[in-house]
Amino acid sequence: WMQGDQLSDHCFAYFHQPNSSKIPSS
């Protein structure tokens, strides 16, 4: 998340790695 924001502002990018062998997503 960006300077001046906090995560709870709902303005962020994410990278997700599932537990399975599925391809990660962002």
mmCIF file of all heavy atoms, coordinates in Angstrom:
data_MODEL
# 
_entry.id   MODEL 
# 
loop_
_atom_site.group_PDB 
_atom_site.id 
_atom_site.type_symbol 
_atom_site.label_atom_id 
_atom_site.label_alt_id 
_atom_site.label_comp_id 
_atom_site.label_asym_id 
_atom_site.label_entity_id 
_atom_site.label_seq_id 
_atom_site.pdbx_PDB_ins_code 
_atom_site.Cartn_x 
_atom_site.Cartn_y 
_atom_site.Cartn_z 
_atom_site.occupancy 
_atom_site.B_iso_or_equiv 
_atom_site.pdbx_formal_charge 
_atom_site.auth_seq_id 
_atom_site.auth_comp_id 
_atom_site.auth_asym_id 
_atom_site.auth_atom_id 
_atom_site.pdbx_PDB_model_num 
ATOM 1   N N   . TRP A 1 1  ? 0.827   -1.188  0.000   1.00 0.00 ? 1  TRP A N   1 
ATOM 2   C CA  . TRP A 1 1  ? 0.000   0.000   0.000   1.00 0.00 ? 1  TRP A CA  1 
ATOM 3   C C   . TRP A 1 1  ? 0.870   1.250   0.000   1.00 0.00 ? 1  TRP A C   1 
ATOM 4   O O   . TRP A 1 1  ? 2.045   1.193   0.287   1.00 0.00 ? 1  TRP A O   1 
ATOM 5   C CB  . TRP A 1 1  ? -1.003  -0.012  1.150   1.00 0.00 ? 1  TRP A CB  1 
ATOM 6   C CG  . TRP A 1 1  ? -0.428  0.029   2.536   1.00 0.00 ? 1  TRP A CG  1 
ATOM 7   C CD1 . TRP A 1 1  ? -0.356  1.127   3.358   1.00 0.00 ? 1  TRP A CD1 1 
ATOM 8   C CD2 . TRP A 1 1  ? 0.134   -1.049  3.289   1.00 0.00 ? 1  TRP A CD2 1 
ATOM 9   N NE1 . TRP A 1 1  ? 0.213   0.793   4.551   1.00 0.00 ? 1  TRP A NE1 1 
ATOM 10  C CE2 . TRP A 1 1  ? 0.529   -0.549  4.544   1.00 0.00 ? 1  TRP A CE2 1 
ATOM 11  C CE3 . TRP A 1 1  ? 0.350   -2.406  3.020   1.00 0.00 ? 1  TRP A CE3 1 
ATOM 12  C CZ2 . TRP A 1 1  ? 1.116   -1.336  5.524   1.00 0.00 ? 1  TRP A CZ2 1 
ATOM 13  C CZ3 . TRP A 1 1  ? 0.956   -3.185  3.996   1.00 0.00 ? 1  TRP A CZ3 1 
ATOM 14  C CH2 . TRP A 1 1  ? 1.327   -2.657  5.225   1.00 0.00 ? 1  TRP A CH2 1 
ATOM 15  N N   . MET A 1 2  ? 0.278   2.393   -0.360  1.00 0.00 ? 2  MET A N   1 
ATOM 16  C CA  . MET A 1 2  ? 1.031   3.611   -0.611  1.00 0.00 ? 2  MET A CA  1 
ATOM 17  C C   . MET A 1 2  ? 1.242   4.454   0.650   1.00 0.00 ? 2  MET A C   1 
ATOM 18  O O   . MET A 1 2  ? 0.480   4.371   1.611   1.00 0.00 ? 2  MET A O   1 
ATOM 19  C CB  . MET A 1 2  ? 0.305   4.469   -1.649  1.00 0.00 ? 2  MET A CB  1 
ATOM 20  C CG  . MET A 1 2  ? 0.210   3.811   -3.007  1.00 0.00 ? 2  MET A CG  1 
ATOM 21  S SD  . MET A 1 2  ? -0.593  4.848   -4.242  1.00 0.00 ? 2  MET A SD  1 
ATOM 22  C CE  . MET A 1 2  ? -2.241  4.990   -3.603  1.00 0.00 ? 2  MET A CE  1 
ATOM 23  N N   . GLN A 1 3  ? 2.284   5.284   0.574   1.00 0.00 ? 3  GLN A N   1 
ATOM 24  C CA  . GLN A 1 3  ? 2.577   6.234   1.638   1.00 0.00 ? 3  GLN A CA  1 
ATOM 25  C C   . GLN A 1 3  ? 1.346   7.106   1.896   1.00 0.00 ? 3  GLN A C   1 
ATOM 26  O O   . GLN A 1 3  ? 0.656   7.530   0.974   1.00 0.00 ? 3  GLN A O   1 
ATOM 27  C CB  . GLN A 1 3  ? 3.753   7.118   1.237   1.00 0.00 ? 3  GLN A CB  1 
ATOM 28  C CG  . GLN A 1 3  ? 4.150   8.119   2.297   1.00 0.00 ? 3  GLN A CG  1 
ATOM 29  C CD  . GLN A 1 3  ? 5.292   8.998   1.837   1.00 0.00 ? 3  GLN A CD  1 
ATOM 30  O OE1 . GLN A 1 3  ? 5.257   9.554   0.747   1.00 0.00 ? 3  GLN A OE1 1 
ATOM 31  N NE2 . GLN A 1 3  ? 6.310   9.096   2.671   1.00 0.00 ? 3  GLN A NE2 1 
ATOM 32  N N   . GLY A 1 4  ? 1.064   7.343   3.157   1.00 0.00 ? 4  GLY A N   1 
ATOM 33  C CA  . GLY A 1 4  ? -0.083  8.152   3.549   1.00 0.00 ? 4  GLY A CA  1 
ATOM 34  C C   . GLY A 1 4  ? -1.356  7.359   3.742   1.00 0.00 ? 4  GLY A C   1 
ATOM 35  O O   . GLY A 1 4  ? -2.338  7.871   4.270   1.00 0.00 ? 4  GLY A O   1 
ATOM 36  N N   . ASP A 1 5  ? -1.361  6.115   3.319   1.00 0.00 ? 5  ASP A N   1 
ATOM 37  C CA  . ASP A 1 5  ? -2.522  5.239   3.484   1.00 0.00 ? 5  ASP A CA  1 
ATOM 38  C C   . ASP A 1 5  ? -2.224  4.188   4.536   1.00 0.00 ? 5  ASP A C   1 
ATOM 39  O O   . ASP A 1 5  ? -1.071  3.926   4.871   1.00 0.00 ? 5  ASP A O   1 
ATOM 40  C CB  . ASP A 1 5  ? -2.851  4.509   2.176   1.00 0.00 ? 5  ASP A CB  1 
ATOM 41  C CG  . ASP A 1 5  ? -3.462  5.416   1.131   1.00 0.00 ? 5  ASP A CG  1 
ATOM 42  O OD1 . ASP A 1 5  ? -3.967  6.497   1.485   1.00 0.00 ? 5  ASP A OD1 1 
ATOM 43  O OD2 . ASP A 1 5  ? -3.434  5.039   -0.053  1.00 0.00 ? 5  ASP A OD2 1 
ATOM 44  N N   . GLN A 1 6  ? -3.284  3.587   5.033   1.00 0.00 ? 6  GLN A N   1 
ATOM 45  C CA  . GLN A 1 6  ? -3.126  2.378   5.832   1.00 0.00 ? 6  GLN A CA  1 
ATOM 46  C C   . GLN A 1 6  ? -3.905  1.273   5.142   1.00 0.00 ? 6  GLN A C   1 
ATOM 47  O O   . GLN A 1 6  ? -4.772  1.549   4.304   1.00 0.00 ? 6  GLN A O   1 
ATOM 48  C CB  . GLN A 1 6  ? -3.546  2.584   7.275   1.00 0.00 ? 6  GLN A CB  1 
ATOM 49  C CG  . GLN A 1 6  ? -4.949  3.063   7.492   1.00 0.00 ? 6  GLN A CG  1 
ATOM 50  C CD  . GLN A 1 6  ? -5.186  3.440   8.941   1.00 0.00 ? 6  GLN A CD  1 
ATOM 51  O OE1 . GLN A 1 6  ? -4.407  4.165   9.542   1.00 0.00 ? 6  GLN A OE1 1 
ATOM 52  N NE2 . GLN A 1 6  ? -6.259  2.946   9.498   1.00 0.00 ? 6  GLN A NE2 1 
ATOM 53  N N   . LEU A 1 7  ? -3.602  0.066   5.458   1.00 0.00 ? 7  LEU A N   1 
ATOM 54  C CA  . LEU A 1 7  ? -4.197  -1.068  4.752   1.00 0.00 ? 7  LEU A CA  1 
ATOM 55  C C   . LEU A 1 7  ? -5.721  -1.059  4.828   1.00 0.00 ? 7  LEU A C   1 
ATOM 56  O O   . LEU A 1 7  ? -6.404  -1.405  3.861   1.00 0.00 ? 7  LEU A O   1 
ATOM 57  C CB  . LEU A 1 7  ? -3.627  -2.373  5.314   1.00 0.00 ? 7  LEU A CB  1 
ATOM 58  C CG  . LEU A 1 7  ? -3.795  -3.612  4.482   1.00 0.00 ? 7  LEU A CG  1 
ATOM 59  C CD1 . LEU A 1 7  ? -3.274  -3.430  3.074   1.00 0.00 ? 7  LEU A CD1 1 
ATOM 60  C CD2 . LEU A 1 7  ? -3.096  -4.782  5.133   1.00 0.00 ? 7  LEU A CD2 1 
ATOM 61  N N   . SER A 1 8  ? -6.263  -0.615  5.944   1.00 0.00 ? 8  SER A N   1 
ATOM 62  C CA  . SER A 1 8  ? -7.721  -0.604  6.106   1.00 0.00 ? 8  SER A CA  1 
ATOM 63  C C   . SER A 1 8  ? -8.412  0.419   5.210   1.00 0.00 ? 8  SER A C   1 
ATOM 64  O O   . SER A 1 8  ? -9.641  0.429   5.111   1.00 0.00 ? 8  SER A O   1 
ATOM 65  C CB  . SER A 1 8  ? -8.089  -0.341  7.567   1.00 0.00 ? 8  SER A CB  1 
ATOM 66  O OG  . SER A 1 8  ? -7.592  0.923   7.983   1.00 0.00 ? 8  SER A OG  1 
ATOM 67  N N   . ASP A 1 9  ? -7.653  1.270   4.507   1.00 0.00 ? 9  ASP A N   1 
ATOM 68  C CA  . ASP A 1 9  ? -8.246  2.226   3.557   1.00 0.00 ? 9  ASP A CA  1 
ATOM 69  C C   . ASP A 1 9  ? -8.752  1.531   2.294   1.00 0.00 ? 9  ASP A C   1 
ATOM 70  O O   . ASP A 1 9  ? -9.404  2.159   1.469   1.00 0.00 ? 9  ASP A O   1 
ATOM 71  C CB  . ASP A 1 9  ? -7.223  3.301   3.165   1.00 0.00 ? 9  ASP A CB  1 
ATOM 72  C CG  . ASP A 1 9  ? -6.899  4.241   4.304   1.00 0.00 ? 9  ASP A CG  1 
ATOM 73  O OD1 . ASP A 1 9  ? -7.748  4.401   5.203   1.00 0.00 ? 9  ASP A OD1 1 
ATOM 74  O OD2 . ASP A 1 9  ? -5.796  4.810   4.295   1.00 0.00 ? 9  ASP A OD2 1 
ATOM 75  N N   . HIS A 1 10 ? -8.418  0.267   2.124   1.00 0.00 ? 10 HIS A N   1 
ATOM 76  C CA  . HIS A 1 10 ? -8.825  -0.516  0.952   1.00 0.00 ? 10 HIS A CA  1 
ATOM 77  C C   . HIS A 1 10 ? -8.286  0.071   -0.347  1.00 0.00 ? 10 HIS A C   1 
ATOM 78  O O   . HIS A 1 10 ? -8.997  0.227   -1.341  1.00 0.00 ? 10 HIS A O   1 
ATOM 79  C CB  . HIS A 1 10 ? -10.343 -0.687  0.873   1.00 0.00 ? 10 HIS A CB  1 
ATOM 80  C CG  . HIS A 1 10 ? -10.913 -1.386  2.055   1.00 0.00 ? 10 HIS A CG  1 
ATOM 81  N ND1 . HIS A 1 10 ? -10.826 -2.738  2.219   1.00 0.00 ? 10 HIS A ND1 1 
ATOM 82  C CD2 . HIS A 1 10 ? -11.532 -0.914  3.161   1.00 0.00 ? 10 HIS A CD2 1 
ATOM 83  C CE1 . HIS A 1 10 ? -11.375 -3.087  3.363   1.00 0.00 ? 10 HIS A CE1 1 
ATOM 84  N NE2 . HIS A 1 10 ? -11.801 -2.002  3.964   1.00 0.00 ? 10 HIS A NE2 1 
ATOM 85  N N   . CYS A 1 11 ? -6.981  0.367   -0.316  1.00 0.00 ? 11 CYS A N   1 
ATOM 86  C CA  . CYS A 1 11 ? -6.275  0.867   -1.491  1.00 0.00 ? 11 CYS A CA  1 
ATOM 87  C C   . CYS A 1 11 ? -4.905  0.194   -1.489  1.00 0.00 ? 11 CYS A C   1 
ATOM 88  O O   . CYS A 1 11 ? -3.949  0.705   -0.912  1.00 0.00 ? 11 CYS A O   1 
ATOM 89  C CB  . CYS A 1 11 ? -6.153  2.391   -1.418  1.00 0.00 ? 11 CYS A CB  1 
ATOM 90  S SG  . CYS A 1 11 ? -5.358  3.097   -2.879  1.00 0.00 ? 11 CYS A SG  1 
ATOM 91  N N   . PHE A 1 12 ? -4.838  -1.002  -2.090  1.00 0.00 ? 12 PHE A N   1 
ATOM 92  C CA  . PHE A 1 12 ? -3.597  -1.775  -2.052  1.00 0.00 ? 12 PHE A CA  1 
ATOM 93  C C   . PHE A 1 12 ? -3.523  -2.740  -3.230  1.00 0.00 ? 12 PHE A C   1 
ATOM 94  O O   . PHE A 1 12 ? -4.517  -3.019  -3.886  1.00 0.00 ? 12 PHE A O   1 
ATOM 95  C CB  . PHE A 1 12 ? -3.461  -2.536  -0.727  1.00 0.00 ? 12 PHE A CB  1 
ATOM 96  C CG  . PHE A 1 12 ? -4.584  -3.520  -0.436  1.00 0.00 ? 12 PHE A CG  1 
ATOM 97  C CD1 . PHE A 1 12 ? -4.512  -4.829  -0.880  1.00 0.00 ? 12 PHE A CD1 1 
ATOM 98  C CD2 . PHE A 1 12 ? -5.691  -3.125  0.292   1.00 0.00 ? 12 PHE A CD2 1 
ATOM 99  C CE1 . PHE A 1 12 ? -5.531  -5.734  -0.606  1.00 0.00 ? 12 PHE A CE1 1 
ATOM 100 C CE2 . PHE A 1 12 ? -6.727  -4.020  0.571   1.00 0.00 ? 12 PHE A CE2 1 
ATOM 101 C CZ  . PHE A 1 12 ? -6.641  -5.324  0.125   1.00 0.00 ? 12 PHE A CZ  1 
ATOM 102 N N   . ALA A 1 13 ? -2.333  -3.228  -3.468  1.00 0.00 ? 13 ALA A N   1 
ATOM 103 C CA  . ALA A 1 13 ? -2.111  -4.304  -4.441  1.00 0.00 ? 13 ALA A CA  1 
ATOM 104 C C   . ALA A 1 13 ? -1.777  -5.559  -3.650  1.00 0.00 ? 13 ALA A C   1 
ATOM 105 O O   . ALA A 1 13 ? -1.267  -5.482  -2.523  1.00 0.00 ? 13 ALA A O   1 
ATOM 106 C CB  . ALA A 1 13 ? -0.970  -3.943  -5.379  1.00 0.00 ? 13 ALA A CB  1 
ATOM 107 N N   . TYR A 1 14 ? -2.063  -6.719  -4.228  1.00 0.00 ? 14 TYR A N   1 
ATOM 108 C CA  . TYR A 1 14 ? -1.720  -7.952  -3.521  1.00 0.00 ? 14 TYR A CA  1 
ATOM 109 C C   . TYR A 1 14 ? -1.209  -9.027  -4.472  1.00 0.00 ? 14 TYR A C   1 
ATOM 110 O O   . TYR A 1 14 ? -1.478  -9.010  -5.666  1.00 0.00 ? 14 TYR A O   1 
ATOM 111 C CB  . TYR A 1 14 ? -2.886  -8.473  -2.689  1.00 0.00 ? 14 TYR A CB  1 
ATOM 112 C CG  . TYR A 1 14 ? -4.055  -9.031  -3.476  1.00 0.00 ? 14 TYR A CG  1 
ATOM 113 C CD1 . TYR A 1 14 ? -4.077  -10.369 -3.882  1.00 0.00 ? 14 TYR A CD1 1 
ATOM 114 C CD2 . TYR A 1 14 ? -5.144  -8.242  -3.794  1.00 0.00 ? 14 TYR A CD2 1 
ATOM 115 C CE1 . TYR A 1 14 ? -5.153  -10.888 -4.589  1.00 0.00 ? 14 TYR A CE1 1 
ATOM 116 C CE2 . TYR A 1 14 ? -6.225  -8.750  -4.504  1.00 0.00 ? 14 TYR A CE2 1 
ATOM 117 C CZ  . TYR A 1 14 ? -6.218  -10.073 -4.891  1.00 0.00 ? 14 TYR A CZ  1 
ATOM 118 O OH  . TYR A 1 14 ? -7.279  -10.591 -5.599  1.00 0.00 ? 14 TYR A OH  1 
ATOM 119 N N   . PHE A 1 15 ? -0.454  -9.943  -3.885  1.00 0.00 ? 15 PHE A N   1 
ATOM 120 C CA  . PHE A 1 15 ? 0.051   -11.145 -4.556  1.00 0.00 ? 15 PHE A CA  1 
ATOM 121 C C   . PHE A 1 15 ? -0.414  -12.313 -3.712  1.00 0.00 ? 15 PHE A C   1 
ATOM 122 O O   . PHE A 1 15 ? -0.144  -12.364 -2.508  1.00 0.00 ? 15 PHE A O   1 
ATOM 123 C CB  . PHE A 1 15 ? 1.579   -11.105 -4.641  1.00 0.00 ? 15 PHE A CB  1 
ATOM 124 C CG  . PHE A 1 15 ? 2.185   -12.377 -5.172  1.00 0.00 ? 15 PHE A CG  1 
ATOM 125 C CD1 . PHE A 1 15 ? 2.201   -12.641 -6.534  1.00 0.00 ? 15 PHE A CD1 1 
ATOM 126 C CD2 . PHE A 1 15 ? 2.742   -13.301 -4.310  1.00 0.00 ? 15 PHE A CD2 1 
ATOM 127 C CE1 . PHE A 1 15 ? 2.759   -13.810 -7.023  1.00 0.00 ? 15 PHE A CE1 1 
ATOM 128 C CE2 . PHE A 1 15 ? 3.304   -14.476 -4.790  1.00 0.00 ? 15 PHE A CE2 1 
ATOM 129 C CZ  . PHE A 1 15 ? 3.318   -14.730 -6.153  1.00 0.00 ? 15 PHE A CZ  1 
ATOM 130 N N   . HIS A 1 16 ? -1.145  -13.254 -4.304  1.00 0.00 ? 16 HIS A N   1 
ATOM 131 C CA  . HIS A 1 16 ? -1.687  -14.402 -3.583  1.00 0.00 ? 16 HIS A CA  1 
ATOM 132 C C   . HIS A 1 16 ? -1.076  -15.696 -4.098  1.00 0.00 ? 16 HIS A C   1 
ATOM 133 O O   . HIS A 1 16 ? -1.058  -15.941 -5.306  1.00 0.00 ? 16 HIS A O   1 
ATOM 134 C CB  . HIS A 1 16 ? -3.205  -14.457 -3.745  1.00 0.00 ? 16 HIS A CB  1 
ATOM 135 C CG  . HIS A 1 16 ? -3.811  -15.683 -3.141  1.00 0.00 ? 16 HIS A CG  1 
ATOM 136 N ND1 . HIS A 1 16 ? -4.411  -16.662 -3.888  1.00 0.00 ? 16 HIS A ND1 1 
ATOM 137 C CD2 . HIS A 1 16 ? -3.889  -16.099 -1.858  1.00 0.00 ? 16 HIS A CD2 1 
ATOM 138 C CE1 . HIS A 1 16 ? -4.847  -17.621 -3.096  1.00 0.00 ? 16 HIS A CE1 1 
ATOM 139 N NE2 . HIS A 1 16 ? -4.540  -17.318 -1.858  1.00 0.00 ? 16 HIS A NE2 1 
ATOM 140 N N   . GLN A 1 17 ? -0.605  -16.502 -3.172  1.00 0.00 ? 17 GLN A N   1 
ATOM 141 C CA  . GLN A 1 17 ? -0.070  -17.822 -3.506  1.00 0.00 ? 17 GLN A CA  1 
ATOM 142 C C   . GLN A 1 17 ? -0.948  -18.859 -2.834  1.00 0.00 ? 17 GLN A C   1 
ATOM 143 O O   . GLN A 1 17 ? -0.924  -18.999 -1.615  1.00 0.00 ? 17 GLN A O   1 
ATOM 144 C CB  . GLN A 1 17 ? 1.366   -17.948 -3.023  1.00 0.00 ? 17 GLN A CB  1 
ATOM 145 C CG  . GLN A 1 17 ? 2.005   -19.265 -3.388  1.00 0.00 ? 17 GLN A CG  1 
ATOM 146 C CD  . GLN A 1 17 ? 3.432   -19.324 -2.887  1.00 0.00 ? 17 GLN A CD  1 
ATOM 147 O OE1 . GLN A 1 17 ? 3.718   -18.909 -1.781  1.00 0.00 ? 17 GLN A OE1 1 
ATOM 148 N NE2 . GLN A 1 17 ? 4.313   -19.823 -3.705  1.00 0.00 ? 17 GLN A NE2 1 
ATOM 149 N N   . PRO A 1 18 ? -1.764  -19.591 -3.602  1.00 0.00 ? 18 PRO A N   1 
ATOM 150 C CA  . PRO A 1 18 ? -2.638  -20.604 -3.003  1.00 0.00 ? 18 PRO A CA  1 
ATOM 151 C C   . PRO A 1 18 ? -1.842  -21.784 -2.461  1.00 0.00 ? 18 PRO A C   1 
ATOM 152 O O   . PRO A 1 18 ? -0.700  -22.018 -2.862  1.00 0.00 ? 18 PRO A O   1 
ATOM 153 C CB  . PRO A 1 18 ? -3.533  -21.039 -4.160  1.00 0.00 ? 18 PRO A CB  1 
ATOM 154 C CG  . PRO A 1 18 ? -2.877  -20.573 -5.399  1.00 0.00 ? 18 PRO A CG  1 
ATOM 155 C CD  . PRO A 1 18 ? -1.902  -19.498 -5.043  1.00 0.00 ? 18 PRO A CD  1 
ATOM 156 N N   . ASN A 1 19 ? -2.454  -22.511 -1.530  1.00 0.00 ? 19 ASN A N   1 
ATOM 157 C CA  . ASN A 1 19 ? -1.786  -23.695 -0.975  1.00 0.00 ? 19 ASN A CA  1 
ATOM 158 C C   . ASN A 1 19 ? -1.652  -24.800 -2.011  1.00 0.00 ? 19 ASN A C   1 
ATOM 159 O O   . ASN A 1 19 ? -0.764  -25.628 -1.933  1.00 0.00 ? 19 ASN A O   1 
ATOM 160 C CB  . ASN A 1 19 ? -2.553  -24.235 0.237   1.00 0.00 ? 19 ASN A CB  1 
ATOM 161 C CG  . ASN A 1 19 ? -2.349  -23.381 1.464   1.00 0.00 ? 19 ASN A CG  1 
ATOM 162 O OD1 . ASN A 1 19 ? -1.415  -22.580 1.539   1.00 0.00 ? 19 ASN A OD1 1 
ATOM 163 N ND2 . ASN A 1 19 ? -3.224  -23.525 2.436   1.00 0.00 ? 19 ASN A ND2 1 
ATOM 164 N N   . SER A 1 20 ? -2.533  -24.824 -2.978  1.00 0.00 ? 20 SER A N   1 
ATOM 165 C CA  . SER A 1 20 ? -2.502  -25.865 -4.008  1.00 0.00 ? 20 SER A CA  1 
ATOM 166 C C   . SER A 1 20 ? -1.443  -25.519 -5.052  1.00 0.00 ? 20 SER A C   1 
ATOM 167 O O   . SER A 1 20 ? -0.735  -24.530 -4.945  1.00 0.00 ? 20 SER A O   1 
ATOM 168 C CB  . SER A 1 20 ? -3.870  -25.968 -4.674  1.00 0.00 ? 20 SER A CB  1 
ATOM 169 O OG  . SER A 1 20 ? -4.146  -24.773 -5.372  1.00 0.00 ? 20 SER A OG  1 
ATOM 170 N N   . SER A 1 21 ? -1.370  -26.306 -6.073  1.00 0.00 ? 21 SER A N   1 
ATOM 171 C CA  . SER A 1 21 ? -0.397  -26.059 -7.139  1.00 0.00 ? 21 SER A CA  1 
ATOM 172 C C   . SER A 1 21 ? -0.930  -25.084 -8.187  1.00 0.00 ? 21 SER A C   1 
ATOM 173 O O   . SER A 1 21 ? -0.360  -24.950 -9.258  1.00 0.00 ? 21 SER A O   1 
ATOM 174 C CB  . SER A 1 21 ? -0.004  -27.380 -7.804  1.00 0.00 ? 21 SER A CB  1 
ATOM 175 O OG  . SER A 1 21 ? -1.145  -27.994 -8.356  1.00 0.00 ? 21 SER A OG  1 
ATOM 176 N N   . LYS A 1 22 ? -2.031  -24.399 -7.885  1.00 0.00 ? 22 LYS A N   1 
ATOM 177 C CA  . LYS A 1 22 ? -2.581  -23.416 -8.806  1.00 0.00 ? 22 LYS A CA  1 
ATOM 178 C C   . LYS A 1 22 ? -1.609  -22.249 -8.968  1.00 0.00 ? 22 LYS A C   1 
ATOM 179 O O   . LYS A 1 22 ? -0.792  -21.968 -8.097  1.00 0.00 ? 22 LYS A O   1 
ATOM 180 C CB  . LYS A 1 22 ? -3.930  -22.901 -8.319  1.00 0.00 ? 22 LYS A CB  1 
ATOM 181 C CG  . LYS A 1 22 ? -5.026  -23.938 -8.358  1.00 0.00 ? 22 LYS A CG  1 
ATOM 182 C CD  . LYS A 1 22 ? -6.338  -23.351 -7.904  1.00 0.00 ? 22 LYS A CD  1 
ATOM 183 C CE  . LYS A 1 22 ? -7.423  -24.411 -7.934  1.00 0.00 ? 22 LYS A CE  1 
ATOM 184 N NZ  . LYS A 1 22 ? -8.692  -23.884 -7.447  1.00 0.00 ? 22 LYS A NZ  1 
ATOM 185 N N   . ILE A 1 23 ? -1.726  -21.537 -10.065 1.00 0.00 ? 23 ILE A N   1 
ATOM 186 C CA  . ILE A 1 23 ? -0.855  -20.400 -10.353 1.00 0.00 ? 23 ILE A CA  1 
ATOM 187 C C   . ILE A 1 23 ? -1.194  -19.250 -9.421  1.00 0.00 ? 23 ILE A C   1 
ATOM 188 O O   . ILE A 1 23 ? -2.370  -18.941 -9.194  1.00 0.00 ? 23 ILE A O   1 
ATOM 189 C CB  . ILE A 1 23 ? -1.043  -19.972 -11.823 1.00 0.00 ? 23 ILE A CB  1 
ATOM 190 C CG1 . ILE A 1 23 ? -0.556  -21.083 -12.749 1.00 0.00 ? 23 ILE A CG1 1 
ATOM 191 C CG2 . ILE A 1 23 ? -0.307  -18.669 -12.113 1.00 0.00 ? 23 ILE A CG2 1 
ATOM 192 C CD1 . ILE A 1 23 ? -0.804  -20.812 -14.208 1.00 0.00 ? 23 ILE A CD1 1 
ATOM 193 N N   . PRO A 1 24 ? -0.179  -18.576 -8.870  1.00 0.00 ? 24 PRO A N   1 
ATOM 194 C CA  . PRO A 1 24 ? -0.433  -17.403 -8.026  1.00 0.00 ? 24 PRO A CA  1 
ATOM 195 C C   . PRO A 1 24 ? -1.137  -16.309 -8.832  1.00 0.00 ? 24 PRO A C   1 
ATOM 196 O O   . PRO A 1 24 ? -1.113  -16.295 -10.059 1.00 0.00 ? 24 PRO A O   1 
ATOM 197 C CB  . PRO A 1 24 ? 0.976   -16.941 -7.637  1.00 0.00 ? 24 PRO A CB  1 
ATOM 198 C CG  . PRO A 1 24 ? 1.834   -18.132 -7.811  1.00 0.00 ? 24 PRO A CG  1 
ATOM 199 C CD  . PRO A 1 24 ? 1.237   -18.910 -8.936  1.00 0.00 ? 24 PRO A CD  1 
ATOM 200 N N   . SER A 1 25 ? -1.759  -15.387 -8.107  1.00 0.00 ? 25 SER A N   1 
ATOM 201 C CA  . SER A 1 25 ? -2.459  -14.289 -8.758  1.00 0.00 ? 25 SER A CA  1 
ATOM 202 C C   . SER A 1 25 ? -2.109  -12.969 -8.073  1.00 0.00 ? 25 SER A C   1 
ATOM 203 O O   . SER A 1 25 ? -1.623  -12.951 -6.943  1.00 0.00 ? 25 SER A O   1 
ATOM 204 C CB  . SER A 1 25 ? -3.982  -14.519 -8.696  1.00 0.00 ? 25 SER A CB  1 
ATOM 205 O OG  . SER A 1 25 ? -4.421  -14.540 -7.352  1.00 0.00 ? 25 SER A OG  1 
ATOM 206 N N   . SER A 1 26 ? -2.365  -11.897 -8.769  1.00 0.00 ? 26 SER A N   1 
ATOM 207 C CA  . SER A 1 26 ? -2.172  -10.575 -8.189  1.00 0.00 ? 26 SER A CA  1 
ATOM 208 C C   . SER A 1 26 ? -3.280  -9.670  -8.707  1.00 0.00 ? 26 SER A C   1 
ATOM 209 O O   . SER A 1 26 ? -3.855  -9.909  -9.774  1.00 0.00 ? 26 SER A O   1 
ATOM 210 C CB  . SER A 1 26 ? -0.795  -10.020 -8.553  1.00 0.00 ? 26 SER A CB  1 
ATOM 211 O OG  . SER A 1 26 ? -0.652  -9.928  -9.944  1.00 0.00 ? 26 SER A OG  1 
# 
